């Protein structure tokens, strides 16, 4: 079994929590990854907390990476240009290497010109600043992560977990990604297109939740569920249900249903030999063509291409 080397670049002002995410998540993937941490000069790094971090490697480690992760720094360390030592370190990365940023790490990639003309995301609180500094980047501040191969960018804090699980799923399939999630006691899947900031994540006291209806719907994805069906199960008016659903999930009920059907279809494409039409029927898409359309919109590939990728991974 070949282990992929993942090199995490730590810069001054780094957030300690996010710095440790790749090692914690990818390190739980049954030895599929070797995760090491480096700095631009091999010296200790100041964090945004009241302690520093001593790293074992200098920038030369970047030249050995299959994947590079740029850890985020505090906003006070953000700039529209990168220093010469950071540029020199990034220049050591081999062409074609997969490069991932967590949260404000996207500022480093954008300042180096690596995201020009590409779609990317970052933490919603610094999105306006990012857009002003880097107008050539197609910024989407409303999602958890963006996979614009070979560059992957994610939003704040916990979305670093999501993007690392996405790497495991992309490289080795959902079974291993789910196993990693269980070991780390984190949600196994949050789609990259999910909203990163929900204004009211917790219902007001005494308000009914839509959680039971979401669980009910997940058991019936193969059925033609409507807003009337969902609101009827929740015993709410359609308007109240739709508003409360969006407050809790950050998506409309219709978009959430499509997302969950795509997730179920991806699992079946990975784990079964069912035809595309059979999978479409099981997850609630009317036809195989509808499944193809929604899968392509979600991840940019056809069902056949997705299946070939994960059959190879298996």
Protein backbone atom coordinates (compact mmCIF):
# COMPACT_ATOMS: atom_id res chain seq x y z
CA UNK A 1 0.00 0.00 0.00
CA UNK A 2 1.46 3.34 -1.09
CA UNK A 3 1.31 6.10 1.50
CA UNK A 4 0.75 9.61 0.24
CA UNK A 5 2.90 12.24 1.87
CA UNK A 6 0.92 15.26 3.05
CA UNK A 7 2.97 18.30 4.06
CA UNK A 8 1.31 20.99 6.18
CA UNK A 9 2.82 24.46 5.94
CA UNK A 10 2.67 26.41 9.21
CA UNK A 11 3.13 30.18 9.05
CA UNK A 12 3.48 32.72 11.85
CA UNK A 13 0.09 33.48 13.39
CA UNK A 14 -1.25 30.00 12.61
CA UNK A 15 -4.37 28.72 14.36
CA UNK A 16 -3.30 25.66 16.41
CA UNK A 17 -6.62 23.83 16.05
CA UNK A 18 -6.67 23.96 12.28
CA UNK A 19 -2.95 23.18 12.09
CA UNK A 20 -3.65 19.82 13.71
CA UNK A 21 -6.65 18.83 11.58
CA UNK A 22 -4.77 17.13 8.69
CA UNK A 23 -2.71 15.00 11.05
CA UNK A 24 -5.77 14.02 13.10
CA UNK A 25 -8.11 13.21 10.21
CA UNK A 26 -5.72 11.85 7.58
CA UNK A 27 -3.70 10.11 10.26
CA UNK A 28 -6.76 8.02 11.09
CA UNK A 29 -7.03 6.63 7.54
CA UNK A 30 -5.42 3.23 8.14
CA UNK A 31 -1.92 4.35 7.21
CA UNK A 32 -2.89 5.72 3.78
CA UNK A 33 -1.23 9.08 4.52
CA UNK A 34 1.98 10.28 6.09
CA UNK A 35 1.42 13.76 7.49
CA UNK A 36 4.34 16.02 8.37
CA UNK A 37 4.53 19.70 9.25
CA UNK A 38 7.03 22.28 8.02
CA UNK A 39 7.74 25.98 8.26
CA UNK A 40 9.29 28.32 5.71
CA UNK A 41 12.66 28.22 7.47
CA UNK A 42 12.57 25.12 9.67
CA UNK A 43 12.31 27.26 12.81
CA UNK A 44 9.56 27.32 15.44
CA UNK A 45 6.34 29.09 14.47
CA UNK A 46 4.39 31.60 16.55
CA UNK A 47 0.71 30.72 16.78
CA UNK A 48 -2.18 33.09 17.44
CA UNK A 49 -2.43 31.56 20.92
CA UNK A 50 -0.07 31.99 23.87
CA UNK A 51 2.38 29.31 22.71
CA UNK A 52 4.60 28.50 19.77
CA UNK A 53 5.01 25.32 17.74
CA UNK A 54 8.29 23.56 17.04
CA UNK A 55 8.30 21.77 13.67
CA UNK A 56 10.62 19.04 12.50
CA UNK A 57 10.96 20.09 8.85
CA UNK A 58 11.94 23.06 6.72
CA UNK A 59 10.52 24.13 3.35
CA UNK A 60 12.40 21.38 1.49
CA UNK A 61 9.67 18.98 2.69
CA UNK A 62 7.23 20.68 0.30
CA UNK A 63 9.14 19.23 -2.66
CA UNK A 64 8.34 15.70 -1.42
CA UNK A 65 4.58 16.18 -1.02
CA UNK A 66 1.73 14.56 -2.91
CA UNK A 67 -0.59 16.99 -1.14
CA UNK A 68 0.26 20.32 0.49
CA UNK A 69 -2.01 21.90 3.10
CA UNK A 70 -1.77 25.62 3.89
CA UNK A 71 -2.87 26.09 7.49
CA UNK A 72 -4.77 29.32 8.32
CA UNK A 73 -3.43 32.35 10.15
CA UNK A 74 -5.13 35.02 12.22
CA UNK A 75 -6.59 37.93 10.22
CA UNK A 76 -3.95 40.29 11.61
CA UNK A 77 -1.35 38.34 9.61
CA UNK A 78 -3.17 38.56 6.27
CA UNK A 79 -1.65 40.57 3.43
CA UNK A 80 -2.21 41.09 -0.28
CA UNK A 81 1.38 40.02 -0.95
CA UNK A 82 3.39 37.11 0.39
CA UNK A 83 6.91 37.45 1.71
CA UNK A 84 9.91 36.28 -0.27
CA UNK A 85 10.49 33.30 2.02
CA UNK A 86 6.89 32.12 1.59
CA UNK A 87 7.14 32.52 -2.19
CA UNK A 88 10.41 30.58 -2.18
CA UNK A 89 8.78 27.82 -0.14
CA UNK A 90 5.76 27.59 -2.46
CA UNK A 91 8.10 27.45 -5.47
CA UNK A 92 9.44 24.13 -4.13
CA UNK A 93 6.07 22.44 -4.63
CA UNK A 94 6.20 20.13 -7.63
CA UNK A 95 3.88 20.85 -10.59
CA UNK A 96 0.63 18.90 -10.35
CA UNK A 97 0.78 18.59 -6.55
CA UNK A 98 -2.62 18.84 -4.87
CA UNK A 99 -2.77 22.01 -2.77
CA UNK A 100 -5.35 22.52 -0.02
CA UNK A 101 -6.05 25.60 2.07
CA UNK A 102 -8.00 25.75 5.29
CA UNK A 103 -9.85 28.96 6.15
CA UNK A 104 -7.58 31.98 5.65
CA UNK A 105 -4.90 29.81 4.05
CA UNK A 106 -6.63 30.78 0.79
CA UNK A 107 -5.16 34.28 1.21
CA UNK A 108 -1.66 32.81 0.89
CA UNK A 109 -2.53 30.98 -2.33
CA UNK A 110 -4.34 33.99 -3.77
CA UNK A 111 -1.53 36.39 -2.89
CA UNK A 112 0.89 34.07 -4.70
CA UNK A 113 -1.34 34.24 -7.79
CA UNK A 114 -2.21 30.56 -7.66
CA UNK A 115 -5.97 31.06 -7.52
CA UNK A 116 -6.35 33.58 -10.36
CA UNK A 117 -9.29 32.59 -12.56
CA UNK A 118 -10.27 29.79 -10.19
CA UNK A 119 -13.23 29.24 -7.91
CA UNK A 120 -12.37 29.31 -4.21
CA UNK A 121 -13.76 29.96 -0.74
CA UNK A 122 -12.59 31.21 2.64
CA UNK A 123 -14.12 32.15 5.97
CA UNK A 124 -17.26 34.22 5.50
CA UNK A 125 -16.06 36.91 7.93
CA UNK A 126 -13.11 37.85 5.71
CA UNK A 127 -14.84 37.25 2.37
CA UNK A 128 -15.29 40.95 1.55
CA UNK A 129 -11.65 41.60 2.34
CA UNK A 130 -10.59 38.68 0.16
CA UNK A 131 -12.74 39.82 -2.75
CA UNK A 132 -11.32 43.34 -2.56
CA UNK A 133 -7.72 42.10 -2.39
CA UNK A 134 -8.01 39.40 -5.04
CA UNK A 135 -10.61 40.36 -7.66
CA UNK A 136 -9.25 37.77 -10.12
CA UNK A 137 -10.41 34.92 -7.89
CA UNK A 138 -13.98 33.64 -8.28
CA UNK A 139 -14.84 33.67 -4.58
CA UNK A 140 -17.84 31.73 -3.26
CA UNK A 141 -18.16 32.63 0.44
CA UNK A 142 -21.33 30.60 1.00
CA UNK A 143 -19.94 27.06 0.85
CA UNK A 144 -17.89 24.79 3.12
CA UNK A 145 -15.25 23.93 0.56
CA UNK A 146 -14.44 24.12 -3.15
CA UNK A 147 -12.63 21.42 -5.12
CA UNK A 148 -11.13 23.05 -8.21
CA UNK A 149 -8.44 20.45 -8.81
CA UNK A 150 -5.57 20.63 -8.04
CA UNK A 151 -6.53 23.47 -5.68
CA UNK A 152 -8.99 22.87 -2.85
CA UNK A 153 -10.07 25.65 -0.51
CA UNK A 154 -12.20 25.47 2.61
CA UNK A 155 -13.97 27.82 4.99
CA UNK A 156 -13.34 28.21 8.71
CA UNK A 157 -12.37 25.79 11.47
CA UNK A 158 -14.57 22.67 11.20
CA UNK A 159 -14.66 22.84 7.41
CA UNK A 160 -11.01 21.81 7.60
CA UNK A 161 -12.32 18.50 8.90
CA UNK A 162 -14.81 18.36 6.02
CA UNK A 163 -12.17 18.93 3.35
CA UNK A 164 -9.82 16.34 4.84
CA UNK A 165 -12.64 13.79 4.88
CA UNK A 166 -13.34 14.80 1.29
CA UNK A 167 -9.73 13.94 0.42
CA UNK A 168 -10.08 10.50 2.01
CA UNK A 169 -13.39 9.91 0.23
CA UNK A 170 -11.99 11.07 -3.10
CA UNK A 171 -8.84 8.96 -2.76
CA UNK A 172 -10.19 5.81 -1.12
CA UNK A 173 -14.00 5.85 -1.11
CA UNK A 174 -16.80 6.51 1.36
CA UNK A 175 -16.27 3.39 3.43
CA UNK A 176 -12.85 4.51 4.67
CA UNK A 177 -13.98 8.14 5.01
CA UNK A 178 -16.91 7.05 7.18
CA UNK A 179 -14.59 4.90 9.27
CA UNK A 180 -12.26 7.87 9.82
CA UNK A 181 -15.23 10.04 10.80
CA UNK A 182 -16.39 7.49 13.38
CA UNK A 183 -12.91 7.25 14.88
CA UNK A 184 -12.67 11.03 15.17
CA UNK A 185 -16.32 11.40 16.27
CA UNK A 186 -17.19 13.93 13.57
CA UNK A 187 -20.01 14.07 10.98
CA UNK A 188 -19.07 11.72 8.12
CA UNK A 189 -20.31 13.98 5.35
CA UNK A 190 -21.15 17.63 4.90
CA UNK A 191 -21.38 18.48 1.24
CA UNK A 192 -19.09 21.26 0.03
CA UNK A 193 -22.07 23.19 -1.28
CA UNK A 194 -23.69 23.41 2.14
CA UNK A 195 -23.96 26.91 3.52
CA UNK A 196 -21.06 27.74 5.85
CA UNK A 197 -22.91 30.33 7.90
CA UNK A 198 -26.42 29.80 9.21
CA UNK A 199 -27.96 32.82 10.89
CA UNK A 200 -30.14 30.81 13.28
CA UNK A 201 -28.63 27.33 13.76
CA UNK A 202 -30.71 26.67 16.90
CA UNK A 203 -34.49 27.11 16.86
CA UNK A 204 -36.00 29.54 19.28
CA UNK A 205 -37.00 28.06 22.63
CA UNK A 206 -40.28 26.20 22.32
CA UNK A 207 -40.17 26.10 18.53
CA UNK A 208 -40.59 22.75 16.83
CA UNK A 209 -37.53 21.38 15.03
CA UNK A 210 -37.45 19.89 11.54
CA UNK A 211 -34.91 17.25 12.60
CA UNK A 212 -37.46 14.44 12.92
CA UNK A 213 -38.85 15.21 9.48
CA UNK A 214 -35.35 15.21 7.98
CA UNK A 215 -34.74 11.76 9.47
CA UNK A 216 -38.12 10.62 8.15
CA UNK A 217 -37.30 11.92 4.67
CA UNK A 218 -33.91 10.18 4.59
CA UNK A 219 -35.72 6.86 4.98
CA UNK A 220 -37.93 7.70 1.99
CA UNK A 221 -35.59 9.29 -0.55
CA UNK A 222 -36.88 6.96 -3.24
CA UNK A 223 -40.35 8.49 -2.93
CA UNK A 224 -41.44 11.71 -4.72
CA UNK A 225 -41.40 13.87 -1.58
CA UNK A 226 -42.91 17.36 -1.82
CA UNK A 227 -42.89 20.37 0.45
CA UNK A 228 -46.47 19.48 1.37
CA UNK A 229 -45.35 15.97 2.41
CA UNK A 230 -42.55 17.33 4.56
CA UNK A 231 -44.55 20.10 6.20
CA UNK A 232 -47.43 17.69 6.77
CA UNK A 233 -45.14 15.27 8.61
CA UNK A 234 -43.81 18.14 10.73
CA UNK A 235 -47.37 19.40 11.35
CA UNK A 236 -46.52 22.90 10.20
CA UNK A 237 -47.74 25.14 7.43
CA UNK A 238 -45.58 25.00 4.32
CA UNK A 239 -44.37 28.57 4.84
CA UNK A 240 -43.43 27.99 8.51
CA UNK A 241 -41.73 24.69 7.69
CA UNK A 242 -39.70 26.14 4.83
CA UNK A 243 -38.56 29.08 6.95
CA UNK A 244 -37.64 26.93 9.96
CA UNK A 245 -35.94 24.34 7.75
CA UNK A 246 -33.71 27.01 6.20
CA UNK A 247 -32.92 28.46 9.62
CA UNK A 248 -31.74 25.05 10.86
CA UNK A 249 -30.02 23.66 7.77
CA UNK A 250 -29.05 26.68 5.70
CA UNK A 251 -30.74 25.21 2.60
CA UNK A 252 -34.26 25.08 1.21
CA UNK A 253 -36.05 21.73 1.64
CA UNK A 254 -35.87 21.12 -2.12
CA UNK A 255 -32.15 21.77 -2.37
CA UNK A 256 -31.51 19.64 0.73
CA UNK A 257 -33.45 16.72 -0.78
CA UNK A 258 -31.41 16.92 -3.99
CA UNK A 259 -28.20 17.04 -1.97
CA UNK A 260 -29.17 13.98 0.07
CA UNK A 261 -30.20 12.07 -3.06
CA UNK A 262 -26.85 12.82 -4.67
CA UNK A 263 -25.07 11.63 -1.51
CA UNK A 264 -27.05 8.36 -1.55
CA UNK A 265 -26.42 7.92 -5.27
CA UNK A 266 -22.68 8.40 -4.78
CA UNK A 267 -22.68 5.72 -2.10
CA UNK A 268 -24.50 3.29 -4.38
CA UNK A 269 -22.19 4.06 -7.29
CA UNK A 270 -19.23 3.25 -5.06
CA UNK A 271 -20.59 0.18 -3.31
CA UNK A 272 -22.95 -1.57 -5.77
CA UNK A 273 -23.19 -2.79 -9.35
CA UNK A 274 -26.66 -1.30 -9.89
CA UNK A 275 -27.20 0.49 -13.19
CA UNK A 276 -27.49 4.27 -13.27
CA UNK A 277 -31.24 4.01 -13.93
CA UNK A 278 -31.69 1.62 -10.99
CA UNK A 279 -29.76 3.93 -8.67
CA UNK A 280 -31.78 6.92 -9.88
CA UNK A 281 -34.98 5.11 -8.97
CA UNK A 282 -33.73 4.12 -5.54
CA UNK A 283 -32.69 7.65 -4.55
CA UNK A 284 -35.72 9.49 -5.92
CA UNK A 285 -34.57 10.90 -9.26
CA UNK A 286 -37.13 10.28 -11.97
CA UNK A 287 -34.63 9.11 -14.58
CA UNK A 288 -30.97 8.26 -15.06
CA UNK A 289 -30.68 11.51 -17.02
CA UNK A 290 -31.85 13.45 -13.97
CA UNK A 291 -29.24 11.71 -11.82
CA UNK A 292 -26.54 12.51 -14.37
CA UNK A 293 -27.57 16.17 -14.39
CA UNK A 294 -27.57 16.55 -10.60
CA UNK A 295 -24.34 14.60 -10.06
CA UNK A 296 -22.58 16.67 -12.68
CA UNK A 297 -23.87 19.88 -11.09
CA UNK A 298 -22.68 18.73 -7.66
CA UNK A 299 -19.21 17.35 -8.43
CA UNK A 300 -18.64 17.87 -12.15
CA UNK A 301 -18.49 14.24 -13.31
CA UNK A 302 -20.80 11.65 -14.83
CA UNK A 303 -21.99 8.60 -12.85
CA UNK A 304 -19.83 6.33 -15.02
CA UNK A 305 -16.71 8.42 -14.42
CA UNK A 306 -17.44 8.59 -10.69
CA UNK A 307 -17.91 4.82 -10.50
CA UNK A 308 -14.70 4.13 -12.42
CA UNK A 309 -12.77 6.37 -10.03
CA UNK A 310 -14.03 4.69 -6.88
CA UNK A 311 -13.91 1.17 -8.24
CA UNK A 312 -10.22 1.85 -8.85
CA UNK A 313 -9.90 3.24 -5.31
CA UNK A 314 -11.56 0.13 -3.87
